[in-house]
Amino acid sequence: MATKVMNFKMEETDILDMKQVAAVFNMTVTDILKKGAKEYVEKLKRDPFYRLTVNVQEASAEESEEILSEIDNLSDDDLTIASTKRFTV
């Protein structure tokens, strides 16, 4: 798998905090960031909004509002995935 470089800004105090934690656990700050980002993305992918809209590539503002409205009215039972089917239009 290819590795790419990314730059981003963080508060200096957060960076120092991560450096301190990384040193205690004999890790790099990169290891902490990669693990944290991976766990957060996995959490977001379990979110009902993501699960119901991931296959919608381009939706208008009206369609997006309709989807969000429907999601708000769903129960936990409604959100249980029983099966999945993919089709191309």
N, C-alpha and C. Protein backbone atom coordinates (compact mmCIF):
# COMPACT_ATOMS: atom_id res chain seq x y z
N MET A 1 0.85 -1.17 0.00
CA MET A 1 0.00 0.00 0.00
C MET A 1 0.89 1.24 0.00
N ALA A 2 0.53 2.22 -0.80
CA ALA A 2 1.31 3.44 -0.90
C ALA A 2 1.13 4.31 0.34
N THR A 3 2.17 5.02 0.69
CA THR A 3 2.13 5.95 1.82
C THR A 3 2.26 7.36 1.26
N LYS A 4 1.42 8.26 1.75
CA LYS A 4 1.47 9.65 1.32
C LYS A 4 1.69 10.54 2.53
N VAL A 5 2.17 11.74 2.28
CA VAL A 5 2.45 12.71 3.33
C VAL A 5 1.31 13.72 3.40
N MET A 6 0.95 14.10 4.64
CA MET A 6 -0.10 15.09 4.84
C MET A 6 0.37 16.08 5.90
N ASN A 7 0.09 17.34 5.68
CA ASN A 7 0.41 18.37 6.66
C ASN A 7 -0.88 18.91 7.25
N PHE A 8 -0.89 19.19 8.54
CA PHE A 8 -2.04 19.83 9.17
C PHE A 8 -1.56 20.58 10.41
N LYS A 9 -2.41 21.48 10.88
CA LYS A 9 -2.05 22.32 12.02
C LYS A 9 -2.78 21.84 13.26
N MET A 10 -2.07 21.92 14.39
CA MET A 10 -2.64 21.58 15.70
C MET A 10 -2.14 22.59 16.72
N GLU A 11 -2.88 22.68 17.80
CA GLU A 11 -2.45 23.54 18.91
C GLU A 11 -1.12 23.00 19.45
N GLU A 12 -0.23 23.91 19.80
CA GLU A 12 1.09 23.51 20.31
C GLU A 12 0.97 22.66 21.58
N THR A 13 0.04 23.00 22.44
CA THR A 13 -0.12 22.23 23.68
C THR A 13 -0.54 20.79 23.39
N ASP A 14 -1.38 20.59 22.36
CA ASP A 14 -1.79 19.23 21.99
C ASP A 14 -0.61 18.43 21.44
N ILE A 15 0.24 19.09 20.67
CA ILE A 15 1.43 18.43 20.13
C ILE A 15 2.38 18.02 21.25
N LEU A 16 2.60 18.93 22.18
CA LEU A 16 3.48 18.61 23.31
C LEU A 16 2.92 17.48 24.16
N ASP A 17 1.61 17.47 24.34
CA ASP A 17 0.95 16.40 25.08
C ASP A 17 1.15 15.05 24.39
N MET A 18 0.98 15.04 23.08
CA MET A 18 1.18 13.79 22.32
C MET A 18 2.62 13.33 22.38
N LYS A 19 3.55 14.27 22.31
CA LYS A 19 4.97 13.90 22.39
C LYS A 19 5.29 13.25 23.73
N GLN A 20 4.71 13.80 24.79
CA GLN A 20 4.95 13.26 26.13
C GLN A 20 4.38 11.84 26.25
N VAL A 21 3.16 11.66 25.78
CA VAL A 21 2.52 10.33 25.83
C VAL A 21 3.31 9.35 24.96
N ALA A 22 3.71 9.77 23.78
CA ALA A 22 4.47 8.90 22.87
C ALA A 22 5.78 8.45 23.51
N ALA A 23 6.46 9.37 24.19
CA ALA A 23 7.73 9.02 24.83
C ALA A 23 7.53 7.99 25.93
N VAL A 24 6.47 8.14 26.72
CA VAL A 24 6.20 7.19 27.81
C VAL A 24 5.95 5.79 27.26
N PHE A 25 5.22 5.70 26.15
CA PHE A 25 4.88 4.40 25.58
C PHE A 25 5.83 3.95 24.48
N ASN A 26 6.96 4.67 24.33
CA ASN A 26 7.97 4.33 23.33
C ASN A 26 7.35 4.23 21.94
N MET A 27 6.55 5.23 21.60
CA MET A 27 5.88 5.30 20.30
C MET A 27 6.30 6.60 19.62
N THR A 28 5.88 6.76 18.37
CA THR A 28 6.06 8.04 17.69
C THR A 28 4.72 8.77 17.71
N VAL A 29 4.77 10.07 17.53
CA VAL A 29 3.55 10.86 17.43
C VAL A 29 2.76 10.40 16.21
N THR A 30 3.45 10.03 15.14
CA THR A 30 2.78 9.51 13.94
C THR A 30 1.96 8.27 14.27
N ASP A 31 2.53 7.37 15.09
CA ASP A 31 1.78 6.16 15.49
C ASP A 31 0.49 6.53 16.22
N ILE A 32 0.58 7.50 17.12
CA ILE A 32 -0.59 7.93 17.88
C ILE A 32 -1.64 8.51 16.94
N LEU A 33 -1.22 9.39 16.04
CA LEU A 33 -2.16 10.03 15.12
C LEU A 33 -2.81 9.03 14.18
N LYS A 34 -2.02 8.09 13.65
CA LYS A 34 -2.57 7.09 12.73
C LYS A 34 -3.60 6.20 13.42
N LYS A 35 -3.26 5.76 14.63
CA LYS A 35 -4.18 4.89 15.37
C LYS A 35 -5.45 5.65 15.75
N GLY A 36 -5.29 6.88 16.22
CA GLY A 36 -6.45 7.69 16.60
C GLY A 36 -7.35 7.99 15.42
N ALA A 37 -6.75 8.35 14.29
CA ALA A 37 -7.54 8.66 13.09
C ALA A 37 -8.27 7.42 12.60
N LYS A 38 -7.60 6.28 12.61
CA LYS A 38 -8.23 5.04 12.15
C LYS A 38 -9.44 4.68 13.04
N GLU A 39 -9.27 4.77 14.35
CA GLU A 39 -10.37 4.45 15.27
C GLU A 39 -11.54 5.42 15.08
N TYR A 40 -11.24 6.70 14.86
CA TYR A 40 -12.30 7.70 14.69
C TYR A 40 -13.06 7.48 13.38
N VAL A 41 -12.35 7.18 12.30
CA VAL A 41 -13.00 6.92 11.02
C VAL A 41 -13.88 5.68 11.11
N GLU A 42 -13.41 4.63 11.79
CA GLU A 42 -14.23 3.42 11.97
C GLU A 42 -15.50 3.76 12.76
N LYS A 43 -15.39 4.61 13.76
CA LYS A 43 -16.56 5.03 14.54
C LYS A 43 -17.54 5.79 13.65
N LEU A 44 -17.04 6.70 12.84
CA LEU A 44 -17.91 7.47 11.95
C LEU A 44 -18.61 6.57 10.93
N LYS A 45 -17.92 5.54 10.47
CA LYS A 45 -18.52 4.63 9.50
C LYS A 45 -19.67 3.82 10.09
N ARG A 46 -19.70 3.68 11.41
CA ARG A 46 -20.82 2.98 12.07
C ARG A 46 -22.01 3.90 12.30
N ASP A 47 -21.82 5.19 12.11
CA ASP A 47 -22.90 6.17 12.31
C ASP A 47 -24.01 5.93 11.29
N PRO A 48 -25.27 5.98 11.74
CA PRO A 48 -26.39 5.75 10.81
C PRO A 48 -26.39 6.68 9.60
N PHE A 49 -26.03 7.94 9.79
CA PHE A 49 -26.01 8.87 8.65
C PHE A 49 -25.05 8.38 7.58
N TYR A 50 -23.85 7.97 7.98
CA TYR A 50 -22.88 7.48 7.01
C TYR A 50 -23.39 6.22 6.33
N ARG A 51 -23.89 5.29 7.12
CA ARG A 51 -24.34 4.01 6.57
C ARG A 51 -25.47 4.19 5.56
N LEU A 52 -26.32 5.19 5.77
CA LEU A 52 -27.45 5.39 4.87
C LEU A 52 -27.14 6.30 3.68
N THR A 53 -26.06 7.05 3.75
CA THR A 53 -25.77 7.99 2.66
C THR A 53 -24.47 7.70 1.93
N VAL A 54 -23.72 6.70 2.33
CA VAL A 54 -22.41 6.44 1.73
C VAL A 54 -22.51 6.17 0.22
N ASN A 55 -23.59 5.60 -0.24
CA ASN A 55 -23.74 5.28 -1.65
C ASN A 55 -24.38 6.41 -2.45
N VAL A 56 -24.74 7.51 -1.81
CA VAL A 56 -25.32 8.65 -2.50
C VAL A 56 -24.17 9.58 -2.88
N GLN A 57 -23.80 9.57 -4.15
CA GLN A 57 -22.64 10.34 -4.59
C GLN A 57 -22.95 11.84 -4.68
N GLU A 58 -24.07 12.17 -5.30
CA GLU A 58 -24.40 13.58 -5.48
C GLU A 58 -25.87 13.78 -5.14
N ALA A 59 -26.12 14.47 -4.07
CA ALA A 59 -27.50 14.76 -3.66
C ALA A 59 -27.67 16.27 -3.54
N SER A 60 -28.83 16.75 -3.94
CA SER A 60 -29.11 18.18 -3.81
C SER A 60 -29.34 18.50 -2.34
N ALA A 61 -29.39 19.78 -2.02
CA ALA A 61 -29.64 20.20 -0.64
C ALA A 61 -31.00 19.68 -0.17
N GLU A 62 -31.98 19.70 -1.07
CA GLU A 62 -33.32 19.21 -0.72
C GLU A 62 -33.29 17.70 -0.45
N GLU A 63 -32.58 16.95 -1.28
CA GLU A 63 -32.47 15.50 -1.08
C GLU A 63 -31.73 15.19 0.22
N SER A 64 -30.66 15.92 0.50
CA SER A 64 -29.91 15.72 1.74
C SER A 64 -30.78 15.99 2.96
N GLU A 65 -31.57 17.06 2.91
CA GLU A 65 -32.47 17.38 4.02
C GLU A 65 -33.50 16.28 4.22
N GLU A 66 -34.00 15.74 3.12
CA GLU A 66 -34.98 14.65 3.20
C GLU A 66 -34.35 13.41 3.84
N ILE A 67 -33.13 13.10 3.44
CA ILE A 67 -32.42 11.94 4.01
C ILE A 67 -32.22 12.13 5.51
N LEU A 68 -31.76 13.31 5.91
CA LEU A 68 -31.53 13.58 7.33
C LEU A 68 -32.82 13.50 8.12
N SER A 69 -33.89 13.97 7.57
CA SER A 69 -35.20 13.91 8.23
C SER A 69 -35.62 12.46 8.44
N GLU A 70 -35.43 11.64 7.43
CA GLU A 70 -35.78 10.22 7.53
C GLU A 70 -34.91 9.53 8.59
N ILE A 71 -33.64 9.86 8.62
CA ILE A 71 -32.72 9.25 9.59
C ILE A 71 -33.14 9.59 11.01
N ASP A 72 -33.52 10.83 11.24
CA ASP A 72 -33.94 11.26 12.58
C ASP A 72 -35.14 10.48 13.09
N ASN A 73 -35.97 9.98 12.20
CA ASN A 73 -37.19 9.27 12.58
C ASN A 73 -37.00 7.76 12.70
N LEU A 74 -35.80 7.26 12.47
CA LEU A 74 -35.56 5.81 12.51
C LEU A 74 -35.26 5.33 13.93
N SER A 75 -35.71 4.13 14.24
CA SER A 75 -35.39 3.51 15.52
C SER A 75 -34.12 2.66 15.35
N ASP A 76 -33.59 2.14 16.45
CA ASP A 76 -32.42 1.27 16.37
C ASP A 76 -32.72 0.02 15.54
N ASP A 77 -33.94 -0.52 15.67
CA ASP A 77 -34.33 -1.68 14.87
C ASP A 77 -34.34 -1.34 13.38
N ASP A 78 -34.78 -0.13 13.04
CA ASP A 78 -34.79 0.29 11.64
C ASP A 78 -33.38 0.37 11.07
N LEU A 79 -32.41 0.68 11.93
CA LEU A 79 -31.04 0.89 11.48
C LEU A 79 -30.24 -0.41 11.37
N THR A 80 -30.81 -1.52 11.80
CA THR A 80 -30.13 -2.80 11.69
C THR A 80 -30.12 -3.23 10.23
N ILE A 81 -28.94 -3.51 9.70
CA ILE A 81 -28.83 -3.91 8.31
C ILE A 81 -29.11 -5.40 8.20
N ALA A 82 -30.17 -5.75 7.48
CA ALA A 82 -30.55 -7.14 7.29
C ALA A 82 -29.87 -7.72 6.07
N SER A 83 -29.73 -6.92 5.04
CA SER A 83 -29.06 -7.35 3.82
C SER A 83 -28.67 -6.12 3.03
N THR A 84 -27.75 -6.30 2.10
CA THR A 84 -27.36 -5.19 1.24
C THR A 84 -27.38 -5.65 -0.20
N LYS A 85 -27.74 -4.75 -1.10
CA LYS A 85 -27.75 -5.02 -2.52
C LYS A 85 -27.17 -3.80 -3.22
N ARG A 86 -26.34 -4.01 -4.19
CA ARG A 86 -25.77 -2.92 -4.96
C ARG A 86 -26.24 -3.02 -6.40
N PHE A 87 -26.55 -1.89 -6.97
CA PHE A 87 -26.93 -1.87 -8.37
C PHE A 87 -26.44 -0.57 -8.99
N THR A 88 -26.22 -0.62 -10.27
CA THR A 88 -25.74 0.54 -11.01
C THR A 88 -26.85 1.04 -11.90
N VAL A 89 -27.06 2.35 -11.83
CA VAL A 89 -28.11 2.96 -12.65
C VAL A 89 -27.49 3.60 -13.87
